[in-house]
Amino acid sequence: MSAFSEFDQNGLPADYGDPVRYFVEHPETKELYPQKAIYGIARNLSQRDCPSATNTRKAIEAAGFVIVDSKDELAVSPKFYDGKGDLEGKVDQVTINRHERSKKNRDACIAFYRQKNDGHLRCESCKFDFELTYGEVGTNFIHIHHKAPLGNLREEHLVDPIKDLIPLCPNCHAMSHRGIKKGEKTRSAKELRKIRLD
């Protein structure tokens, strides 16, 4: 219960990100709190070894608390939405370094995988085909993923479009990079297939 009070006093810890899907129901007020934040605060307050974060939901349910899945219920608490929304669209000027990509390499990668897949261009991880799903608007739409991220390299280099590139849908492409620090290897299409839950 002290984790709920701590959350009420200090709000969402900065390193927990926005609540996404699972929420813990306060046993008395029935208000919804982000599961990971409540669990993290409880771990810090108890100062003892607790189950890993992957078992967060099980640990909270085992303690007798109700978990609300926002896919099943509208889990919007006044803590996160006060009915007013927030301003967006302010223009900020940002200077970034962008690593140039080669259209020639992209086209060669697409041609190779199209031929490999009997004329279909699909994600090499989840096999999603934009053209089969969306028709003409999905034709030739795919992200081309660099197996060795360009951001890890200090200078331009020769890229082999067959060995160094692979087509991924935007979801798999994002997941290949998610949580990967600069300099680390991204997740391969095979690794992504292994961690998928469906």
C-alpha atoms as a PDB file:
ATOM      1  CA  MET A   1       0.000   0.000   0.000  1.00  0.00           C
ATOM      2  CA  SER A   2       2.920   2.341   0.666  1.00  0.00           C
ATOM      3  CA  ALA A   3       3.860   2.149  -3.040  1.00  0.00           C
ATOM      4  CA  PHE A   4       0.501   3.757  -3.935  1.00  0.00           C
ATOM      5  CA  SER A   5       1.117   6.550  -1.383  1.00  0.00           C
ATOM      6  CA  GLU A   6       4.642   7.100  -2.710  1.00  0.00           C
ATOM      7  CA  PHE A   7       3.257   7.322  -6.260  1.00  0.00           C
ATOM      8  CA  ASP A   8       0.558   9.809  -5.156  1.00  0.00           C
ATOM      9  CA  GLN A   9       3.192  11.983  -3.511  1.00  0.00           C
ATOM     10  CA  ASN A  10       5.909  11.905  -6.183  1.00  0.00           C
ATOM     11  CA  GLY A  11       4.139  10.846  -9.380  1.00  0.00           C
ATOM     12  CA  LEU A  12       5.479   8.605 -12.123  1.00  0.00           C
ATOM     13  CA  PRO A  13       9.224   7.954 -11.693  1.00  0.00           C
ATOM     14  CA  ALA A  14      11.178   9.588 -14.522  1.00  0.00           C
ATOM     15  CA  ASP A  15      12.770   6.347 -15.715  1.00  0.00           C
ATOM     16  CA  TYR A  16       9.522   4.365 -16.077  1.00  0.00           C
ATOM     17  CA  GLY A  17       8.164   5.947 -19.258  1.00  0.00           C
ATOM     18  CA  ASP A  18       4.476   6.342 -20.048  1.00  0.00           C
ATOM     19  CA  PRO A  19       2.027   3.722 -18.770  1.00  0.00           C
ATOM     20  CA  VAL A  20       1.195   1.474 -21.698  1.00  0.00           C
ATOM     21  CA  ARG A  21      -1.002  -1.512 -20.981  1.00  0.00           C
ATOM     22  CA  TYR A  22      -1.162  -3.006 -17.486  1.00  0.00           C
ATOM     23  CA  PHE A  23      -2.419  -1.097 -14.460  1.00  0.00           C
ATOM     24  CA  VAL A  24      -2.798  -2.046 -10.781  1.00  0.00           C
ATOM     25  CA  GLU A  25      -6.128  -1.293  -9.136  1.00  0.00           C
ATOM     26  CA  HIS A  26      -5.904   0.389  -5.729  1.00  0.00           C
ATOM     27  CA  PRO A  27      -7.833  -1.963  -3.399  1.00  0.00           C
ATOM     28  CA  GLU A  28      -9.718   0.877  -1.660  1.00  0.00           C
ATOM     29  CA  THR A  29     -10.128   3.751  -4.146  1.00  0.00           C
ATOM     30  CA  LYS A  30     -10.236   1.513  -7.274  1.00  0.00           C
ATOM     31  CA  GLU A  31      -7.976   4.052  -9.027  1.00  0.00           C
ATOM     32  CA  LEU A  32      -5.595   2.648 -11.610  1.00  0.00           C
ATOM     33  CA  TYR A  33      -1.818   2.936 -11.267  1.00  0.00           C
ATOM     34  CA  PRO A  34       0.836   1.879 -13.820  1.00  0.00           C
ATOM     35  CA  GLN A  35       1.911  -1.662 -12.973  1.00  0.00           C
ATOM     36  CA  LYS A  36       5.664  -1.294 -13.565  1.00  0.00           C
ATOM     37  CA  ALA A  37       5.902   1.933 -11.580  1.00  0.00           C
ATOM     38  CA  ILE A  38       4.047   0.510  -8.565  1.00  0.00           C
ATOM     39  CA  TYR A  39       6.123  -2.659  -8.662  1.00  0.00           C
ATOM     40  CA  GLY A  40       9.379  -0.684  -8.978  1.00  0.00           C
ATOM     41  CA  ILE A  41       8.465   1.616  -6.087  1.00  0.00           C
ATOM     42  CA  ALA A  42       7.468  -1.410  -3.953  1.00  0.00           C
ATOM     43  CA  ARG A  43      10.804  -3.101  -4.695  1.00  0.00           C
ATOM     44  CA  ASN A  44      12.711   0.051  -3.707  1.00  0.00           C
ATOM     45  CA  LEU A  45      10.690   0.496  -0.514  1.00  0.00           C
ATOM     46  CA  SER A  46      11.091  -3.135   0.583  1.00  0.00           C
ATOM     47  CA  GLN A  47      14.845  -3.138  -0.118  1.00  0.00           C
ATOM     48  CA  ARG A  48      14.793  -6.895  -0.572  1.00  0.00           C
ATOM     49  CA  ASP A  49      15.244  -9.297  -3.410  1.00  0.00           C
ATOM     50  CA  CYS A  50      12.034  -9.483  -5.437  1.00  0.00           C
ATOM     51  CA  PRO A  51      11.072 -11.470  -8.532  1.00  0.00           C
ATOM     52  CA  SER A  52      12.469 -10.183 -11.817  1.00  0.00           C
ATOM     53  CA  ALA A  53      10.613  -7.527 -13.800  1.00  0.00           C
ATOM     54  CA  THR A  54       9.448 -10.200 -16.250  1.00  0.00           C
ATOM     55  CA  ASN A  55       7.389 -11.697 -13.426  1.00  0.00           C
ATOM     56  CA  THR A  56       5.995  -8.331 -12.307  1.00  0.00           C
ATOM     57  CA  ARG A  57       2.377  -9.137 -13.084  1.00  0.00           C
ATOM     58  CA  LYS A  58       2.479 -12.526 -11.338  1.00  0.00           C
ATOM     59  CA  ALA A  59       4.103 -11.012  -8.242  1.00  0.00           C
ATOM     60  CA  ILE A  60       1.494  -8.244  -7.987  1.00  0.00           C
ATOM     61  CA  GLU A  61      -1.415 -10.655  -8.485  1.00  0.00           C
ATOM     62  CA  ALA A  62       0.110 -13.052  -5.930  1.00  0.00           C
ATOM     63  CA  ALA A  63       0.072 -10.182  -3.414  1.00  0.00           C
ATOM     64  CA  GLY A  64      -3.703  -9.932  -3.916  1.00  0.00           C
ATOM     65  CA  PHE A  65      -3.919  -6.901  -6.188  1.00  0.00           C
ATOM     66  CA  VAL A  66      -6.074  -6.687  -9.327  1.00  0.00           C
ATOM     67  CA  ILE A  67      -4.340  -6.084 -12.664  1.00  0.00           C
ATOM     68  CA  VAL A  68      -6.322  -4.205 -15.337  1.00  0.00           C
ATOM     69  CA  ASP A  69      -5.416  -4.772 -18.968  1.00  0.00           C
ATOM     70  CA  SER A  70      -6.150  -1.627 -20.988  1.00  0.00           C
ATOM     71  CA  LYS A  71      -6.897  -3.825 -24.016  1.00  0.00           C
ATOM     72  CA  ASP A  72      -9.910  -5.190 -22.149  1.00  0.00           C
ATOM     73  CA  GLU A  73     -10.961  -2.089 -20.220  1.00  0.00           C
ATOM     74  CA  LEU A  74     -10.533   1.633 -20.691  1.00  0.00           C
ATOM     75  CA  ALA A  75      -7.765   2.149 -18.159  1.00  0.00           C
ATOM     76  CA  VAL A  76      -7.663   5.927 -18.071  1.00  0.00           C
ATOM     77  CA  SER A  77      -7.159   7.410 -14.644  1.00  0.00           C
ATOM     78  CA  PRO A  78      -7.366  11.121 -13.751  1.00  0.00           C
ATOM     79  CA  LYS A  79      -3.686  10.723 -12.832  1.00  0.00           C
ATOM     80  CA  PHE A  80      -2.905  10.500 -16.538  1.00  0.00           C
ATOM     81  CA  TYR A  81      -5.849  12.222 -18.221  1.00  0.00           C
ATOM     82  CA  ASP A  82      -7.680  15.126 -16.603  1.00  0.00           C
ATOM     83  CA  GLY A  83     -10.078  15.644 -19.522  1.00  0.00           C
ATOM     84  CA  LYS A  84      -8.123  18.615 -20.868  1.00  0.00           C
ATOM     85  CA  GLY A  85      -5.272  17.097 -22.891  1.00  0.00           C
ATOM     86  CA  ASP A  86      -1.999  18.935 -23.425  1.00  0.00           C
ATOM     87  CA  LEU A  87      -0.452  21.252 -25.973  1.00  0.00           C
ATOM     88  CA  GLU A  88       1.460  19.772 -28.905  1.00  0.00           C
ATOM     89  CA  GLY A  89       2.966  21.138 -32.080  1.00  0.00           C
ATOM     90  CA  LYS A  90       5.478  23.659 -30.692  1.00  0.00           C
ATOM     91  CA  VAL A  91       8.288  24.073 -33.203  1.00  0.00           C
ATOM     92  CA  ASP A  92      11.761  23.236 -31.905  1.00  0.00           C
ATOM     93  CA  GLN A  93      14.840  23.528 -34.077  1.00  0.00           C
ATOM     94  CA  VAL A  94      16.993  20.410 -33.827  1.00  0.00           C
ATOM     95  CA  THR A  95      20.352  19.764 -35.460  1.00  0.00           C
ATOM     96  CA  ILE A  96      21.182  16.121 -36.110  1.00  0.00           C
ATOM     97  CA  ASN A  97      23.679  14.034 -38.024  1.00  0.00           C
ATOM     98  CA  ARG A  98      21.985  11.810 -40.584  1.00  0.00           C
ATOM     99  CA  HIS A  99      23.766   8.852 -42.148  1.00  0.00           C
ATOM    100  CA  GLU A 100      23.060   8.772 -45.871  1.00  0.00           C
ATOM    101  CA  ARG A 101      21.457   5.668 -47.316  1.00  0.00           C
ATOM    102  CA  SER A 102      21.900   4.450 -50.879  1.00  0.00           C
ATOM    103  CA  LYS A 103      18.794   4.039 -53.052  1.00  0.00           C
ATOM    104  CA  LYS A 104      20.809   1.643 -55.218  1.00  0.00           C
ATOM    105  CA  ASN A 105      21.448  -0.630 -52.200  1.00  0.00           C
ATOM    106  CA  ARG A 106      17.793  -0.410 -51.136  1.00  0.00           C
ATOM    107  CA  ASP A 107      16.532  -1.323 -54.613  1.00  0.00           C
ATOM    108  CA  ALA A 108      19.006  -4.226 -54.903  1.00  0.00           C
ATOM    109  CA  CYS A 109      17.937  -5.564 -51.484  1.00  0.00           C
ATOM    110  CA  ILE A 110      14.252  -5.342 -52.435  1.00  0.00           C
ATOM    111  CA  ALA A 111      14.874  -7.051 -55.809  1.00  0.00           C
ATOM    112  CA  PHE A 112      16.806  -9.896 -54.146  1.00  0.00           C
ATOM    113  CA  TYR A 113      14.173 -10.600 -51.485  1.00  0.00           C
ATOM    114  CA  ARG A 114      11.324 -10.261 -53.999  1.00  0.00           C
ATOM    115  CA  GLN A 115      12.976 -12.927 -56.143  1.00  0.00           C
ATOM    116  CA  LYS A 116      13.668 -15.111 -53.079  1.00  0.00           C
ATOM    117  CA  ASN A 117       9.979 -14.889 -52.045  1.00  0.00           C
ATOM    118  CA  ASP A 118       8.387 -15.638 -55.444  1.00  0.00           C
ATOM    119  CA  GLY A 119       7.643 -12.012 -56.292  1.00  0.00           C
ATOM    120  CA  HIS A 120       6.475 -10.978 -52.812  1.00  0.00           C
ATOM    121  CA  LEU A 121       8.111  -8.264 -50.726  1.00  0.00           C
ATOM    122  CA  ARG A 122       7.549  -9.083 -47.090  1.00  0.00           C
ATOM    123  CA  CYS A 123       9.069  -8.658 -43.660  1.00  0.00           C
ATOM    124  CA  GLU A 124      11.774 -11.270 -43.160  1.00  0.00           C
ATOM    125  CA  SER A 125      10.841 -11.576 -39.492  1.00  0.00           C
ATOM    126  CA  CYS A 126       7.019 -11.700 -39.261  1.00  0.00           C
ATOM    127  CA  LYS A 127       6.337 -12.271 -43.000  1.00  0.00           C
ATOM    128  CA  PHE A 128       3.886  -9.334 -43.210  1.00  0.00           C
ATOM    129  CA  ASP A 129       3.286  -8.297 -46.841  1.00  0.00           C
ATOM    130  CA  PHE A 130       2.028  -4.705 -47.250  1.00  0.00           C
ATOM    131  CA  GLU A 131       0.895  -5.202 -50.847  1.00  0.00           C
ATOM    132  CA  LEU A 132      -1.191  -8.289 -49.972  1.00  0.00           C
ATOM    133  CA  THR A 133      -2.777  -6.410 -47.068  1.00  0.00           C
ATOM    134  CA  TYR A 134      -3.213  -2.870 -48.456  1.00  0.00           C
ATOM    135  CA  GLY A 135      -3.147  -3.373 -52.213  1.00  0.00           C
ATOM    136  CA  GLU A 136      -1.566  -0.755 -54.442  1.00  0.00           C
ATOM    137  CA  VAL A 137      -0.836   1.677 -51.605  1.00  0.00           C
ATOM    138  CA  GLY A 138       1.316  -1.028 -49.970  1.00  0.00           C
ATOM    139  CA  THR A 139       3.345  -1.809 -53.097  1.00  0.00           C
ATOM    140  CA  ASN A 140       7.104  -1.623 -52.432  1.00  0.00           C
ATOM    141  CA  PHE A 141       6.551  -0.379 -48.872  1.00  0.00           C
ATOM    142  CA  ILE A 142       9.029  -1.913 -46.424  1.00  0.00           C
ATOM    143  CA  HIS A 143      11.823  -0.736 -44.149  1.00  0.00           C
ATOM    144  CA  ILE A 144      15.335  -1.773 -45.121  1.00  0.00           C
ATOM    145  CA  HIS A 145      17.296  -2.625 -41.989  1.00  0.00           C
ATOM    146  CA  HIS A 146      21.083  -2.382 -41.763  1.00  0.00           C
ATOM    147  CA  LYS A 147      22.247  -5.458 -39.843  1.00  0.00           C
ATOM    148  CA  ALA A 148      25.197  -3.380 -38.616  1.00  0.00           C
ATOM    149  CA  PRO A 149      23.646   0.024 -37.715  1.00  0.00           C
ATOM    150  CA  LEU A 150      25.149   2.940 -39.627  1.00  0.00           C
ATOM    151  CA  GLY A 151      25.127   4.965 -36.408  1.00  0.00           C
ATOM    152  CA  ASN A 152      27.768   2.625 -34.954  1.00  0.00           C
ATOM    153  CA  LEU A 153      30.246   3.493 -37.692  1.00  0.00           C
ATOM    154  CA  ARG A 154      32.375   6.605 -37.879  1.00  0.00           C
ATOM    155  CA  GLU A 155      32.810   6.823 -41.641  1.00  0.00           C
ATOM    156  CA  GLU A 156      31.162   5.746 -44.861  1.00  0.00           C
ATOM    157  CA  HIS A 157      31.800   2.202 -46.023  1.00  0.00           C
ATOM    158  CA  LEU A 158      30.798  -0.235 -48.742  1.00  0.00           C
ATOM    159  CA  VAL A 159      27.471  -1.966 -48.052  1.00  0.00           C
ATOM    160  CA  ASP A 160      26.555  -5.300 -49.615  1.00  0.00           C
ATOM    161  CA  PRO A 161      22.773  -5.068 -50.223  1.00  0.00           C
ATOM    162  CA  ILE A 162      22.341  -8.835 -49.872  1.00  0.00           C
ATOM    163  CA  LYS A 163      24.568  -9.585 -46.859  1.00  0.00           C
ATOM    164  CA  ASP A 164      24.228  -6.310 -44.944  1.00  0.00           C
ATOM    165  CA  LEU A 165      20.558  -5.361 -45.502  1.00  0.00           C
ATOM    166  CA  ILE A 166      17.230  -7.056 -44.813  1.00  0.00           C
ATOM    167  CA  PRO A 167      13.582  -5.991 -45.317  1.00  0.00           C
ATOM    168  CA  LEU A 168      11.608  -5.586 -42.090  1.00  0.00           C
ATOM    169  CA  CYS A 169       8.147  -4.142 -41.456  1.00  0.00           C
ATOM    170  CA  PRO A 170       8.174  -0.941 -39.333  1.00  0.00           C
ATOM    171  CA  ASN A 171       7.124  -2.861 -36.200  1.00  0.00           C
ATOM    172  CA  CYS A 172       9.853  -5.497 -36.458  1.00  0.00           C
ATOM    173  CA  HIS A 173      12.361  -2.813 -37.470  1.00  0.00           C
ATOM    174  CA  ALA A 174      11.558  -0.788 -34.351  1.00  0.00           C
ATOM    175  CA  MET A 175      11.769  -3.905 -32.154  1.00  0.00           C
ATOM    176  CA  SER A 176      15.146  -4.828 -33.657  1.00  0.00           C
ATOM    177  CA  HIS A 177      16.504  -1.522 -32.296  1.00  0.00           C
ATOM    178  CA  ARG A 178      14.413  -1.158 -29.122  1.00  0.00           C
ATOM    179  CA  GLY A 179      16.508  -1.092 -25.959  1.00  0.00           C
ATOM    180  CA  ILE A 180      19.742  -1.533 -27.918  1.00  0.00           C
ATOM    181  CA  LYS A 181      22.493   0.879 -26.897  1.00  0.00           C
ATOM    182  CA  LYS A 182      24.777   2.606 -29.372  1.00  0.00           C
ATOM    183  CA  GLY A 183      27.549   0.254 -30.384  1.00  0.00           C
ATOM    184  CA  GLU A 184      25.539  -2.879 -29.605  1.00  0.00           C
ATOM    185  CA  LYS A 185      24.333  -5.368 -32.208  1.00  0.00           C
ATOM    186  CA  THR A 186      20.640  -5.083 -33.089  1.00  0.00           C
ATOM    187  CA  ARG A 187      18.279  -8.069 -32.919  1.00  0.00           C
ATOM    188  CA  SER A 188      18.261 -10.266 -36.008  1.00  0.00           C
ATOM    189  CA  ALA A 189      15.076 -11.359 -37.805  1.00  0.00           C
ATOM    190  CA  LYS A 190      15.577 -14.809 -36.262  1.00  0.00           C
ATOM    191  CA  GLU A 191      15.922 -13.378 -32.742  1.00  0.00           C
ATOM    192  CA  LEU A 192      12.755 -11.312 -33.247  1.00  0.00           C
ATOM    193  CA  ARG A 193      10.829 -14.443 -34.267  1.00  0.00           C
ATOM    194  CA  LYS A 194      12.041 -16.205 -31.098  1.00  0.00           C
ATOM    195  CA  ILE A 195      10.799 -13.474 -28.752  1.00  0.00           C
ATOM    196  CA  ARG A 196       7.394 -12.957 -30.398  1.00  0.00           C
ATOM    197  CA  LEU A 197       4.555 -13.974 -28.100  1.00  0.00           C
ATOM    198  CA  ASP A 198       2.103 -15.104 -30.769  1.00  0.00           C
END
